[in-house]
Amino acid sequence: MTRSLAPSVAWLGDVELLAHVRDFLGQNRTTAVIEYHKPVTLTDFANRKALAAHCEAEIRQGLERARRAEYRFGPQSIPVDLPAE
């Protein structure tokens, strides 16, 4: 998404919601990509501030990928520890 399209996609609180939705739905075509990040828990971090910093960094990286149209399609490999047999 380019900066020029952002106002038509992102709803800002100062704009009347119904007018914004009407304008958004009146566009020719909009494609949305939803990116799921690796799940994390508070126990993975020293404290909640470290967790918040991690989540912010992940979201920022995802937004940068979206701005550059570098989407991750399909399942992503996540390392899993399997018990030894």
Protein backbone atom coordinates (compact mmCIF):
# COMPACT_ATOMS: atom_id res chain seq x y z
CA MET A 1 0.00 0.00 0.00
CA THR A 2 1.36 3.38 -0.91
CA ARG A 3 1.09 6.40 1.34
CA SER A 4 -1.37 7.98 -1.06
CA LEU A 5 -3.77 5.04 -0.59
CA ALA A 6 -3.47 4.92 3.20
CA PRO A 7 -6.19 7.51 3.92
CA SER A 8 -8.70 5.60 1.81
CA VAL A 9 -7.92 2.27 3.53
CA ALA A 10 -7.17 3.24 7.14
CA TRP A 11 -10.02 4.82 9.05
CA LEU A 12 -8.93 7.81 11.09
CA GLY A 13 -11.03 8.91 14.04
CA ASP A 14 -11.51 12.44 12.69
CA VAL A 15 -13.36 11.14 9.63
CA GLU A 16 -17.03 10.14 9.77
CA LEU A 17 -17.05 6.33 9.74
CA LEU A 18 -20.01 5.81 7.39
CA ALA A 19 -18.64 8.26 4.82
CA HIS A 20 -15.27 6.52 4.99
CA VAL A 21 -16.82 3.06 4.55
CA ARG A 22 -18.87 4.31 1.58
CA ASP A 23 -15.76 5.73 -0.09
CA PHE A 24 -13.73 2.60 0.66
CA LEU A 25 -16.38 0.26 -0.75
CA GLY A 26 -16.65 2.46 -3.83
CA GLN A 27 -13.07 1.69 -4.84
CA ASN A 28 -12.53 -0.63 -7.77
CA ARG A 29 -10.51 -3.30 -6.02
CA THR A 30 -8.80 -3.83 -2.70
CA THR A 31 -6.66 -6.81 -1.77
CA ALA A 32 -5.88 -7.58 1.85
CA VAL A 33 -3.10 -9.83 3.09
CA ILE A 34 -3.20 -11.03 6.70
CA GLU A 35 0.12 -12.07 8.16
CA TYR A 36 0.18 -14.21 11.28
CA HIS A 37 3.28 -13.95 13.40
CA LYS A 38 4.87 -16.70 15.44
CA PRO A 39 2.97 -17.12 18.74
CA VAL A 40 4.79 -15.93 21.86
CA THR A 41 3.97 -15.91 25.57
CA LEU A 42 5.08 -13.78 28.47
CA THR A 43 7.21 -16.68 29.76
CA ASP A 44 9.36 -16.35 26.61
CA PHE A 45 10.57 -12.92 27.85
CA ALA A 46 12.13 -11.41 30.95
CA ASN A 47 9.19 -9.04 31.50
CA ARG A 48 6.18 -7.48 29.80
CA LYS A 49 8.26 -4.60 28.43
CA ALA A 50 10.51 -7.05 26.60
CA LEU A 51 7.41 -8.81 25.24
CA ALA A 52 5.96 -5.48 24.09
CA ALA A 53 9.24 -4.51 22.39
CA HIS A 54 9.35 -7.86 20.58
CA CYS A 55 5.75 -7.55 19.40
CA GLU A 56 6.30 -3.98 18.22
CA ALA A 57 9.39 -5.02 16.25
CA GLU A 58 7.53 -7.93 14.61
CA ILE A 59 4.64 -5.69 13.59
CA ARG A 60 6.96 -2.99 12.26
CA GLN A 61 8.81 -5.57 10.14
CA GLY A 62 5.49 -6.90 8.83
CA LEU A 63 4.36 -3.39 7.90
CA GLU A 64 7.63 -2.75 6.08
CA ARG A 65 7.21 -6.01 4.13
CA ALA A 66 3.67 -4.98 3.24
CA ARG A 67 4.81 -1.55 2.05
CA ARG A 68 7.39 -3.22 -0.19
CA ALA A 69 4.85 -5.86 -1.32
CA GLU A 70 7.06 -8.64 0.07
CA TYR A 71 4.27 -10.92 1.18
CA ARG A 72 4.76 -14.35 2.73
CA PHE A 73 2.32 -16.69 1.04
CA GLY A 74 1.60 -20.20 2.20
CA PRO A 75 2.60 -21.89 5.43
CA GLN A 76 5.85 -20.77 6.97
CA SER A 77 8.22 -23.22 8.54
CA ILE A 78 8.46 -22.86 12.29
CA PRO A 79 11.03 -25.01 14.08
CA VAL A 80 9.43 -27.49 16.48
CA ASP A 81 11.25 -29.50 19.11
CA LEU A 82 10.13 -33.12 18.79
CA PRO A 83 10.71 -35.63 21.57
CA ALA A 84 13.45 -38.18 20.89
CA GLU A 85 12.20 -41.70 20.23
